N, C-alpha and C. Protein backbone atom coordinates (compact mmCIF):
# COMPACT_ATOMS: atom_id res chain seq x y z
N MET A 1 -33.42 -34.19 72.64
CA MET A 1 -34.27 -34.89 71.73
C MET A 1 -33.71 -36.26 71.44
N ALA A 2 -32.41 -36.37 71.16
CA ALA A 2 -31.86 -37.68 70.85
C ALA A 2 -30.42 -37.77 71.32
N LEU A 3 -30.09 -38.90 71.91
CA LEU A 3 -28.72 -39.17 72.33
C LEU A 3 -27.94 -39.75 71.17
N ASN A 4 -26.71 -39.30 71.03
CA ASN A 4 -25.76 -39.87 70.08
C ASN A 4 -26.27 -39.85 68.64
N TRP A 5 -27.02 -38.82 68.26
CA TRP A 5 -27.53 -38.72 66.90
C TRP A 5 -26.87 -37.61 66.09
N ALA A 6 -26.05 -36.81 66.73
CA ALA A 6 -25.38 -35.75 65.98
C ALA A 6 -24.25 -36.38 65.16
N MET A 7 -24.26 -36.10 63.88
CA MET A 7 -23.16 -36.57 63.03
C MET A 7 -21.96 -35.65 63.30
N LEU A 8 -20.81 -36.27 63.59
CA LEU A 8 -19.63 -35.50 63.97
C LEU A 8 -18.54 -35.60 62.93
N SER A 9 -17.81 -34.51 62.77
CA SER A 9 -16.65 -34.48 61.88
C SER A 9 -15.48 -35.16 62.60
N PRO A 10 -14.37 -35.40 61.91
CA PRO A 10 -13.19 -35.98 62.59
C PRO A 10 -12.69 -35.11 63.76
N GLU A 11 -12.96 -33.81 63.72
CA GLU A 11 -12.56 -32.91 64.82
C GLU A 11 -13.58 -32.91 65.95
N ARG A 12 -14.60 -33.77 65.85
CA ARG A 12 -15.67 -33.91 66.84
C ARG A 12 -16.52 -32.64 66.96
N SER A 13 -16.80 -32.02 65.84
CA SER A 13 -17.77 -30.92 65.80
C SER A 13 -18.96 -31.40 64.98
N PRO A 14 -20.16 -30.90 65.28
CA PRO A 14 -21.34 -31.39 64.56
C PRO A 14 -21.34 -30.98 63.09
N ILE A 15 -21.74 -31.92 62.24
CA ILE A 15 -21.90 -31.63 60.82
C ILE A 15 -23.24 -30.92 60.66
N PRO A 16 -23.26 -29.74 60.05
CA PRO A 16 -24.51 -28.96 59.96
C PRO A 16 -25.60 -29.67 59.17
N LEU A 17 -26.83 -29.42 59.58
CA LEU A 17 -28.00 -29.86 58.83
C LEU A 17 -28.15 -28.95 57.62
N PRO A 18 -28.99 -29.31 56.64
CA PRO A 18 -29.20 -28.42 55.49
C PRO A 18 -29.70 -27.04 55.95
N ASN A 19 -29.09 -26.01 55.43
CA ASN A 19 -29.45 -24.60 55.71
C ASN A 19 -29.28 -24.23 57.18
N GLU A 20 -28.44 -24.93 57.93
CA GLU A 20 -28.23 -24.65 59.35
C GLU A 20 -27.05 -23.70 59.51
N GLN A 21 -27.21 -22.72 60.42
CA GLN A 21 -26.15 -21.75 60.68
C GLN A 21 -25.83 -21.74 62.16
N THR A 22 -24.55 -21.73 62.50
CA THR A 22 -24.13 -21.69 63.89
C THR A 22 -24.30 -20.27 64.43
N ILE A 23 -24.93 -20.16 65.59
CA ILE A 23 -25.14 -18.87 66.24
C ILE A 23 -23.98 -18.59 67.20
N THR A 24 -23.68 -19.55 68.08
CA THR A 24 -22.58 -19.42 69.02
C THR A 24 -22.13 -20.80 69.45
N SER A 25 -20.95 -20.87 70.04
CA SER A 25 -20.46 -22.14 70.55
C SER A 25 -19.66 -21.89 71.82
N ILE A 26 -19.60 -22.93 72.64
CA ILE A 26 -18.78 -22.92 73.85
C ILE A 26 -17.75 -24.01 73.63
N ASP A 27 -16.49 -23.60 73.48
CA ASP A 27 -15.46 -24.52 73.01
C ASP A 27 -14.87 -25.42 74.09
N SER A 28 -15.09 -25.10 75.36
CA SER A 28 -14.57 -25.97 76.41
C SER A 28 -15.28 -25.65 77.73
N GLY A 29 -15.24 -26.61 78.64
CA GLY A 29 -15.74 -26.38 79.98
C GLY A 29 -17.24 -26.41 80.15
N ALA A 30 -17.96 -26.96 79.20
CA ALA A 30 -19.42 -27.09 79.34
C ALA A 30 -19.71 -28.44 80.00
N GLU A 31 -20.49 -28.41 81.05
CA GLU A 31 -20.86 -29.64 81.75
C GLU A 31 -22.34 -29.88 81.55
N LEU A 32 -22.70 -31.09 81.17
CA LEU A 32 -24.10 -31.43 80.93
C LEU A 32 -24.46 -32.62 81.82
N LEU A 33 -25.47 -32.42 82.64
CA LEU A 33 -26.03 -33.49 83.47
C LEU A 33 -27.38 -33.83 82.84
N LEU A 34 -27.54 -35.07 82.43
CA LEU A 34 -28.75 -35.51 81.76
C LEU A 34 -29.52 -36.44 82.68
N ILE A 35 -30.78 -36.13 82.94
CA ILE A 35 -31.63 -36.93 83.82
C ILE A 35 -32.75 -37.50 82.97
N ILE A 36 -32.72 -38.83 82.80
CA ILE A 36 -33.68 -39.52 81.93
C ILE A 36 -34.54 -40.44 82.80
N PRO A 37 -35.83 -40.13 82.97
CA PRO A 37 -36.69 -41.03 83.76
C PRO A 37 -36.85 -42.38 83.07
N ASN A 38 -36.85 -43.45 83.88
CA ASN A 38 -37.08 -44.79 83.32
C ASN A 38 -38.52 -44.94 82.88
N VAL A 39 -39.43 -44.35 83.65
CA VAL A 39 -40.85 -44.34 83.33
C VAL A 39 -41.26 -42.88 83.36
N PRO A 40 -42.02 -42.41 82.37
CA PRO A 40 -42.43 -41.01 82.36
C PRO A 40 -43.14 -40.64 83.65
N PRO A 41 -42.91 -39.40 84.16
CA PRO A 41 -43.59 -38.98 85.37
C PRO A 41 -45.09 -38.86 85.12
N SER A 42 -45.85 -39.08 86.15
CA SER A 42 -47.30 -39.00 86.00
C SER A 42 -47.90 -38.35 87.23
N GLY A 43 -49.12 -37.89 87.07
CA GLY A 43 -49.82 -37.27 88.18
C GLY A 43 -50.59 -38.27 89.01
N SER A 44 -50.71 -39.51 88.56
CA SER A 44 -51.49 -40.49 89.30
C SER A 44 -50.62 -41.65 89.73
N MET A 45 -51.03 -42.31 90.77
CA MET A 45 -50.29 -43.45 91.30
C MET A 45 -50.59 -44.71 90.50
N THR A 46 -51.62 -44.71 89.67
CA THR A 46 -52.05 -45.92 88.97
C THR A 46 -51.26 -46.21 87.71
N SER A 47 -50.37 -45.30 87.30
CA SER A 47 -49.66 -45.52 86.03
C SER A 47 -48.55 -46.54 86.17
N GLY A 48 -48.17 -46.87 87.39
CA GLY A 48 -47.14 -47.89 87.57
C GLY A 48 -45.74 -47.34 87.55
N GLY A 49 -45.55 -46.04 87.40
CA GLY A 49 -44.22 -45.46 87.37
C GLY A 49 -43.63 -45.36 88.75
N SER A 50 -42.38 -45.79 88.90
CA SER A 50 -41.74 -45.74 90.20
C SER A 50 -40.99 -44.43 90.39
N GLY A 51 -40.80 -43.66 89.32
CA GLY A 51 -40.12 -42.38 89.43
C GLY A 51 -38.61 -42.51 89.38
N SER A 52 -38.05 -43.69 89.14
CA SER A 52 -36.61 -43.84 89.07
C SER A 52 -36.09 -43.22 87.77
N SER A 53 -34.82 -42.87 87.77
CA SER A 53 -34.26 -42.25 86.58
C SER A 53 -32.80 -42.64 86.44
N ARG A 54 -32.29 -42.38 85.25
CA ARG A 54 -30.90 -42.62 84.91
C ARG A 54 -30.24 -41.26 84.77
N THR A 55 -29.08 -41.08 85.39
CA THR A 55 -28.37 -39.80 85.34
C THR A 55 -27.01 -40.01 84.68
N MET A 56 -26.71 -39.15 83.71
CA MET A 56 -25.43 -39.21 83.01
C MET A 56 -24.82 -37.81 83.03
N LYS A 57 -23.51 -37.75 83.23
CA LYS A 57 -22.83 -36.46 83.31
C LYS A 57 -21.57 -36.50 82.45
N GLU A 58 -21.42 -35.48 81.62
CA GLU A 58 -20.25 -35.37 80.76
C GLU A 58 -19.81 -33.92 80.66
N THR A 59 -18.55 -33.73 80.33
CA THR A 59 -17.99 -32.41 80.06
C THR A 59 -17.63 -32.37 78.58
N GLY A 60 -17.87 -31.22 77.96
CA GLY A 60 -17.59 -31.13 76.53
C GLY A 60 -17.81 -29.75 75.98
N ARG A 61 -18.34 -29.72 74.75
CA ARG A 61 -18.55 -28.47 74.02
C ARG A 61 -20.01 -28.37 73.59
N ILE A 62 -20.47 -27.13 73.41
CA ILE A 62 -21.86 -26.87 73.02
C ILE A 62 -21.87 -26.00 71.77
N TRP A 63 -22.77 -26.33 70.85
CA TRP A 63 -23.04 -25.51 69.68
C TRP A 63 -24.51 -25.13 69.70
N LEU A 64 -24.79 -23.87 69.47
CA LEU A 64 -26.16 -23.39 69.31
C LEU A 64 -26.29 -22.92 67.88
N THR A 65 -27.21 -23.55 67.15
CA THR A 65 -27.47 -23.15 65.77
C THR A 65 -28.87 -22.56 65.69
N ASP A 66 -29.26 -22.17 64.50
CA ASP A 66 -30.61 -21.64 64.32
C ASP A 66 -31.66 -22.74 64.33
N GLN A 67 -31.23 -24.03 64.40
CA GLN A 67 -32.18 -25.14 64.41
C GLN A 67 -32.09 -26.04 65.64
N ARG A 68 -30.92 -26.11 66.27
CA ARG A 68 -30.75 -27.06 67.37
C ARG A 68 -29.66 -26.64 68.35
N LEU A 69 -29.65 -27.33 69.47
CA LEU A 69 -28.62 -27.22 70.49
C LEU A 69 -27.90 -28.57 70.50
N VAL A 70 -26.58 -28.55 70.34
CA VAL A 70 -25.80 -29.78 70.26
C VAL A 70 -24.72 -29.76 71.32
N PHE A 71 -24.65 -30.85 72.11
CA PHE A 71 -23.59 -31.05 73.08
C PHE A 71 -22.77 -32.23 72.60
N VAL A 72 -21.43 -32.08 72.60
CA VAL A 72 -20.53 -33.17 72.23
C VAL A 72 -19.55 -33.35 73.39
N SER A 73 -19.48 -34.57 73.91
CA SER A 73 -18.61 -34.84 75.06
C SER A 73 -17.15 -34.95 74.64
N ASP A 74 -16.26 -34.60 75.59
CA ASP A 74 -14.83 -34.80 75.38
C ASP A 74 -14.54 -36.26 75.68
N THR A 75 -13.77 -36.91 74.83
CA THR A 75 -13.49 -38.33 75.07
C THR A 75 -12.24 -38.53 75.91
N LYS A 76 -11.16 -37.88 75.59
CA LYS A 76 -9.89 -37.96 76.33
C LYS A 76 -9.54 -39.38 76.75
N GLY A 77 -9.67 -40.33 75.85
CA GLY A 77 -9.24 -41.69 76.11
C GLY A 77 -10.23 -42.58 76.84
N GLN A 78 -11.20 -42.02 77.53
CA GLN A 78 -12.16 -42.86 78.23
C GLN A 78 -13.47 -42.92 77.46
N GLN A 79 -14.27 -43.92 77.79
CA GLN A 79 -15.58 -44.09 77.14
C GLN A 79 -16.60 -43.21 77.86
N PRO A 80 -17.18 -42.22 77.18
CA PRO A 80 -18.17 -41.36 77.85
C PRO A 80 -19.50 -42.11 78.03
N SER A 81 -20.30 -41.63 79.00
CA SER A 81 -21.62 -42.24 79.21
C SER A 81 -22.54 -41.93 78.04
N PHE A 82 -22.32 -40.82 77.34
CA PHE A 82 -22.98 -40.53 76.08
C PHE A 82 -22.06 -39.66 75.26
N ASP A 83 -22.13 -39.79 73.95
CA ASP A 83 -21.22 -39.10 73.05
C ASP A 83 -21.73 -37.72 72.67
N SER A 84 -23.04 -37.62 72.38
CA SER A 84 -23.59 -36.34 71.96
C SER A 84 -25.07 -36.27 72.32
N LEU A 85 -25.56 -35.06 72.39
CA LEU A 85 -26.99 -34.80 72.58
C LEU A 85 -27.38 -33.74 71.58
N SER A 86 -28.39 -34.04 70.78
CA SER A 86 -28.88 -33.10 69.78
C SER A 86 -30.35 -32.81 70.08
N VAL A 87 -30.68 -31.53 70.30
CA VAL A 87 -32.04 -31.15 70.64
C VAL A 87 -32.49 -30.05 69.68
N LEU A 88 -33.55 -30.32 68.92
CA LEU A 88 -34.13 -29.26 68.09
C LEU A 88 -34.64 -28.16 69.01
N LEU A 89 -34.47 -26.92 68.61
CA LEU A 89 -34.92 -25.81 69.45
C LEU A 89 -36.42 -25.86 69.70
N THR A 90 -37.17 -26.36 68.74
CA THR A 90 -38.62 -26.46 68.92
C THR A 90 -39.00 -27.62 69.83
N SER A 91 -38.04 -28.49 70.17
CA SER A 91 -38.29 -29.60 71.11
C SER A 91 -37.89 -29.26 72.53
N ILE A 92 -37.40 -28.04 72.75
CA ILE A 92 -37.13 -27.60 74.11
C ILE A 92 -38.46 -27.09 74.67
N GLN A 93 -38.99 -27.83 75.66
CA GLN A 93 -40.30 -27.47 76.20
C GLN A 93 -40.21 -26.27 77.12
N SER A 94 -39.15 -26.17 77.92
CA SER A 94 -38.98 -25.02 78.80
C SER A 94 -37.53 -24.92 79.24
N THR A 95 -37.17 -23.73 79.67
CA THR A 95 -35.85 -23.50 80.24
C THR A 95 -36.03 -22.75 81.55
N LYS A 96 -35.09 -22.97 82.45
CA LYS A 96 -35.13 -22.27 83.75
C LYS A 96 -33.70 -21.98 84.18
N PHE A 97 -33.42 -20.71 84.42
CA PHE A 97 -32.09 -20.28 84.86
C PHE A 97 -32.07 -20.34 86.38
N GLU A 98 -31.24 -21.23 86.93
CA GLU A 98 -31.16 -21.43 88.37
C GLU A 98 -29.96 -20.68 88.94
N GLN A 99 -30.18 -19.99 90.06
CA GLN A 99 -29.13 -19.25 90.74
C GLN A 99 -29.10 -19.68 92.22
N PRO A 100 -28.44 -20.79 92.51
CA PRO A 100 -28.41 -21.26 93.90
C PRO A 100 -27.57 -20.34 94.79
N TYR A 101 -27.86 -20.36 96.10
CA TYR A 101 -27.08 -19.56 97.04
C TYR A 101 -25.63 -20.02 97.07
N PHE A 102 -25.43 -21.32 97.09
CA PHE A 102 -24.10 -21.89 97.11
C PHE A 102 -23.92 -22.72 95.84
N GLY A 103 -22.92 -22.41 95.07
CA GLY A 103 -22.68 -23.14 93.83
C GLY A 103 -22.88 -22.24 92.62
N ALA A 104 -22.51 -22.77 91.48
CA ALA A 104 -22.57 -22.01 90.23
C ALA A 104 -23.98 -21.99 89.65
N ASN A 105 -24.28 -20.94 88.91
CA ASN A 105 -25.55 -20.86 88.19
C ASN A 105 -25.60 -21.99 87.16
N TYR A 106 -26.81 -22.44 86.85
CA TYR A 106 -26.97 -23.45 85.82
C TYR A 106 -28.32 -23.29 85.14
N LEU A 107 -28.43 -23.92 83.99
CA LEU A 107 -29.63 -23.86 83.17
C LEU A 107 -30.29 -25.23 83.15
N VAL A 108 -31.60 -25.28 83.43
CA VAL A 108 -32.36 -26.53 83.35
C VAL A 108 -33.20 -26.47 82.08
N ILE A 109 -33.09 -27.51 81.26
CA ILE A 109 -33.83 -27.59 80.00
C ILE A 109 -34.70 -28.83 80.03
N GLU A 110 -36.01 -28.66 79.81
CA GLU A 110 -36.91 -29.80 79.67
C GLU A 110 -36.98 -30.13 78.19
N ILE A 111 -36.80 -31.41 77.86
CA ILE A 111 -36.67 -31.84 76.47
C ILE A 111 -37.83 -32.74 76.08
N LYS A 112 -38.41 -32.45 74.92
CA LYS A 112 -39.43 -33.34 74.34
C LYS A 112 -38.70 -34.36 73.47
N PRO A 113 -38.73 -35.64 73.86
CA PRO A 113 -37.96 -36.63 73.11
C PRO A 113 -38.64 -37.04 71.80
N THR A 114 -37.82 -37.55 70.89
CA THR A 114 -38.35 -38.13 69.66
C THR A 114 -38.39 -39.65 69.82
N ALA A 115 -39.15 -40.30 68.99
CA ALA A 115 -39.24 -41.76 69.04
C ALA A 115 -37.87 -42.37 68.74
N ASP A 116 -37.49 -43.35 69.50
CA ASP A 116 -36.22 -44.08 69.34
C ASP A 116 -35.00 -43.18 69.44
N GLY A 117 -35.11 -42.08 70.19
CA GLY A 117 -33.98 -41.16 70.35
C GLY A 117 -33.17 -41.42 71.60
N GLY A 118 -33.60 -42.38 72.43
CA GLY A 118 -32.85 -42.70 73.63
C GLY A 118 -33.29 -41.91 74.85
N LEU A 119 -34.28 -41.04 74.70
CA LEU A 119 -34.79 -40.23 75.81
C LEU A 119 -36.25 -40.59 76.05
N THR A 120 -36.76 -40.26 77.25
CA THR A 120 -38.16 -40.50 77.59
C THR A 120 -38.81 -39.18 77.99
N GLU A 121 -40.15 -39.19 78.08
CA GLU A 121 -40.87 -38.01 78.55
C GLU A 121 -40.34 -37.63 79.93
N GLY A 122 -40.21 -36.35 80.17
CA GLY A 122 -39.72 -35.88 81.46
C GLY A 122 -38.21 -35.73 81.53
N THR A 123 -37.50 -35.92 80.41
CA THR A 123 -36.04 -35.78 80.40
C THR A 123 -35.66 -34.33 80.63
N LYS A 124 -34.67 -34.14 81.48
CA LYS A 124 -34.14 -32.80 81.77
C LYS A 124 -32.64 -32.81 81.59
N ALA A 125 -32.12 -31.67 81.18
CA ALA A 125 -30.67 -31.48 81.08
C ALA A 125 -30.30 -30.26 81.90
N GLU A 126 -29.20 -30.35 82.61
CA GLU A 126 -28.66 -29.22 83.35
C GLU A 126 -27.33 -28.84 82.72
N VAL A 127 -27.19 -27.57 82.39
CA VAL A 127 -25.98 -27.08 81.73
C VAL A 127 -25.26 -26.14 82.69
N ARG A 128 -23.98 -26.40 82.90
CA ARG A 128 -23.12 -25.54 83.71
C ARG A 128 -21.88 -25.21 82.88
N LEU A 129 -21.35 -23.99 83.05
CA LEU A 129 -20.14 -23.59 82.37
C LEU A 129 -19.05 -23.36 83.41
N LYS A 130 -17.89 -23.95 83.19
CA LYS A 130 -16.80 -23.85 84.17
C LYS A 130 -16.00 -22.55 84.04
N ASP A 131 -15.77 -22.09 82.83
CA ASP A 131 -14.84 -21.00 82.60
C ASP A 131 -15.49 -19.64 82.36
N LYS A 132 -16.80 -19.60 82.21
CA LYS A 132 -17.45 -18.33 81.86
C LYS A 132 -18.85 -18.28 82.42
N GLY A 133 -19.43 -17.08 82.39
CA GLY A 133 -20.79 -16.89 82.87
C GLY A 133 -21.80 -17.53 81.93
N LEU A 134 -22.90 -17.92 82.50
CA LEU A 134 -23.93 -18.64 81.74
C LEU A 134 -25.03 -17.71 81.24
N PHE A 135 -25.20 -16.56 81.88
CA PHE A 135 -26.34 -15.70 81.59
C PHE A 135 -26.40 -15.27 80.14
N SER A 136 -25.28 -14.87 79.56
CA SER A 136 -25.30 -14.41 78.16
C SER A 136 -25.66 -15.56 77.21
N PHE A 137 -25.18 -16.78 77.50
CA PHE A 137 -25.53 -17.93 76.67
C PHE A 137 -27.03 -18.21 76.76
N VAL A 138 -27.60 -18.14 77.96
CA VAL A 138 -29.03 -18.38 78.15
C VAL A 138 -29.84 -17.36 77.36
N SER A 139 -29.42 -16.11 77.38
CA SER A 139 -30.11 -15.06 76.64
C SER A 139 -30.13 -15.34 75.14
N VAL A 140 -28.98 -15.73 74.59
CA VAL A 140 -28.90 -16.04 73.16
C VAL A 140 -29.74 -17.28 72.84
N LEU A 141 -29.69 -18.29 73.71
CA LEU A 141 -30.48 -19.50 73.50
C LEU A 141 -31.97 -19.18 73.47
N GLU A 142 -32.44 -18.38 74.41
CA GLU A 142 -33.87 -18.04 74.46
C GLU A 142 -34.31 -17.28 73.22
N LYS A 143 -33.52 -16.30 72.78
CA LYS A 143 -33.88 -15.54 71.58
C LYS A 143 -33.90 -16.43 70.34
N THR A 144 -32.93 -17.30 70.23
CA THR A 144 -32.84 -18.19 69.07
C THR A 144 -33.99 -19.19 69.10
N ARG A 145 -34.31 -19.70 70.28
CA ARG A 145 -35.43 -20.65 70.42
C ARG A 145 -36.75 -19.99 70.06
N GLU A 146 -36.98 -18.76 70.56
CA GLU A 146 -38.21 -18.04 70.23
C GLU A 146 -38.34 -17.85 68.73
N ARG A 147 -37.24 -17.51 68.08
CA ARG A 147 -37.28 -17.32 66.62
C ARG A 147 -37.59 -18.63 65.91
N ALA A 148 -37.00 -19.74 66.35
CA ALA A 148 -37.27 -21.05 65.73
C ALA A 148 -38.74 -21.43 65.89
N ILE A 149 -39.30 -21.17 67.06
CA ILE A 149 -40.72 -21.48 67.29
C ILE A 149 -41.59 -20.58 66.42
N TYR A 150 -41.25 -19.31 66.32
CA TYR A 150 -41.99 -18.37 65.48
C TYR A 150 -41.96 -18.82 64.01
N MET A 151 -40.78 -19.21 63.54
CA MET A 151 -40.65 -19.63 62.14
C MET A 151 -41.45 -20.92 61.89
N LYS A 152 -41.49 -21.83 62.86
CA LYS A 152 -42.26 -23.05 62.70
C LYS A 152 -43.75 -22.73 62.63
N ARG A 153 -44.21 -21.81 63.46
CA ARG A 153 -45.63 -21.39 63.44
C ARG A 153 -45.96 -20.70 62.13
N GLN A 154 -45.07 -19.84 61.65
CA GLN A 154 -45.31 -19.15 60.38
C GLN A 154 -45.40 -20.15 59.24
N SER A 155 -44.55 -21.14 59.26
CA SER A 155 -44.58 -22.17 58.23
C SER A 155 -45.90 -22.93 58.26
N ALA A 156 -46.38 -23.23 59.46
CA ALA A 156 -47.67 -23.93 59.60
C ALA A 156 -48.81 -23.04 59.11
N LEU A 157 -48.75 -21.73 59.41
CA LEU A 157 -49.79 -20.80 58.95
C LEU A 157 -49.78 -20.68 57.44
N ASP A 158 -48.58 -20.63 56.85
CA ASP A 158 -48.48 -20.53 55.39
C ASP A 158 -49.09 -21.77 54.74
N ASP A 159 -48.89 -22.93 55.35
CA ASP A 159 -49.47 -24.16 54.81
C ASP A 159 -50.99 -24.13 54.92
N ASP A 160 -51.52 -23.52 55.99
CA ASP A 160 -52.97 -23.44 56.19
C ASP A 160 -53.64 -22.44 55.26
N GLU A 161 -52.88 -21.44 54.80
CA GLU A 161 -53.47 -20.40 53.96
C GLU A 161 -53.75 -20.87 52.54
N THR A 162 -53.17 -21.94 52.13
CA THR A 162 -53.48 -22.47 50.81
C THR A 162 -54.74 -23.32 50.95
N LEU A 163 -55.86 -22.74 50.61
CA LEU A 163 -57.15 -23.39 50.80
C LEU A 163 -57.40 -24.43 49.71
N PRO A 164 -58.02 -25.51 50.08
CA PRO A 164 -58.33 -26.53 49.06
C PRO A 164 -59.48 -26.05 48.18
N THR A 165 -59.55 -26.58 46.98
CA THR A 165 -60.67 -26.26 46.10
C THR A 165 -61.79 -27.24 46.38
N TYR A 166 -62.99 -26.71 46.44
CA TYR A 166 -64.16 -27.54 46.73
C TYR A 166 -64.98 -27.74 45.47
N PRO A 167 -65.58 -28.90 45.31
CA PRO A 167 -66.45 -29.11 44.14
C PRO A 167 -67.71 -28.28 44.31
N SER A 168 -68.36 -27.99 43.18
CA SER A 168 -69.60 -27.21 43.26
C SER A 168 -70.66 -28.03 43.99
N THR A 169 -71.57 -27.31 44.64
CA THR A 169 -72.60 -27.98 45.44
C THR A 169 -73.64 -28.63 44.53
N PRO A 170 -74.30 -29.66 45.00
CA PRO A 170 -75.31 -30.31 44.14
C PRO A 170 -76.51 -29.41 43.86
N ASP A 171 -76.72 -28.35 44.66
CA ASP A 171 -77.85 -27.46 44.46
C ASP A 171 -77.55 -26.36 43.45
N ALA A 172 -76.37 -26.36 42.89
CA ALA A 172 -76.00 -25.30 41.97
C ALA A 172 -76.77 -25.43 40.68
N GLY A 173 -77.20 -24.30 40.17
CA GLY A 173 -77.95 -24.27 38.92
C GLY A 173 -77.00 -24.33 37.74
N PRO A 174 -77.52 -24.15 36.52
CA PRO A 174 -76.68 -24.24 35.33
C PRO A 174 -75.59 -23.17 35.29
N SER A 175 -75.81 -22.02 35.90
CA SER A 175 -74.79 -20.97 35.86
C SER A 175 -73.77 -21.15 36.97
N GLY A 176 -73.95 -22.16 37.84
CA GLY A 176 -73.02 -22.38 38.94
C GLY A 176 -73.45 -21.67 40.21
N SER A 177 -74.51 -20.84 40.12
CA SER A 177 -74.96 -20.13 41.32
C SER A 177 -75.99 -20.99 42.05
N VAL A 178 -76.10 -20.78 43.32
CA VAL A 178 -77.04 -21.54 44.15
C VAL A 178 -78.41 -20.90 44.02
N GLU A 179 -79.40 -21.72 43.75
CA GLU A 179 -80.77 -21.21 43.62
C GLU A 179 -81.40 -21.06 44.99
N MET A 180 -82.08 -19.94 45.21
CA MET A 180 -82.75 -19.68 46.48
C MET A 180 -84.12 -20.35 46.47
N PRO A 181 -84.52 -20.86 47.60
CA PRO A 181 -85.86 -21.46 47.65
C PRO A 181 -86.95 -20.40 47.39
N ALA A 182 -88.08 -20.85 46.86
CA ALA A 182 -89.16 -19.93 46.50
C ALA A 182 -89.85 -19.37 47.74
N ASP A 183 -89.86 -20.06 48.82
CA ASP A 183 -90.58 -19.56 50.00
C ASP A 183 -89.64 -18.79 50.93
N ASN A 184 -89.21 -17.61 50.41
CA ASN A 184 -88.35 -16.74 51.20
C ASN A 184 -89.12 -16.19 52.40
N PRO A 185 -88.45 -15.78 53.45
CA PRO A 185 -89.16 -15.21 54.60
C PRO A 185 -89.81 -13.90 54.21
N PRO A 186 -90.84 -13.51 54.92
CA PRO A 186 -91.53 -12.25 54.58
C PRO A 186 -90.63 -11.05 54.81
N ALA A 187 -90.91 -10.00 54.06
CA ALA A 187 -90.14 -8.76 54.19
C ALA A 187 -90.56 -8.07 55.48
N TYR A 188 -89.66 -7.32 56.07
CA TYR A 188 -89.97 -6.60 57.30
C TYR A 188 -90.62 -5.27 56.96
N ASP A 189 -91.57 -4.86 57.79
CA ASP A 189 -92.22 -3.57 57.61
C ASP A 189 -91.37 -2.53 58.34
N GLY A 190 -91.16 -1.40 57.74
CA GLY A 190 -90.29 -0.37 58.30
C GLY A 190 -90.97 0.67 59.01
């Protein structure tokens, strides 16, 4: 969702958002490859997009909370291509667990960017773990993401259930009831 927007403590861990709880973390060996298109991908040739992209790769740590996925790069004296990536779980458009024949398994995440967050439409992140298996992390991420989406939908439904009050209709009589026209349809014969 946004590059370099996670507020970090002096120990380089993310400062929690209000009411945010950490679900799990990967303390070392997480590799994140970020692919940011210069122009959003399109289905037509007339949009003017050349399809070029910017690729950034960093190694660091990952935190999964009940609200977001946060990656923080290891600095180790050098300037990283990006310091952090913070993605709200509801801004993850899709995930795909890749199992190549040759090479380590990895997770592809499509991200819906926010305005002025440093990302564009079509941004993807690839997550690889050096020291441990990825499957259990993907499972926890999917369950947590589903719950975040469910809670967001429930919140929207709760907002919709509070119906607005409407003024009485201009046809309302003195008692507030609507008067029926005198020329009612004929009764049916049984």
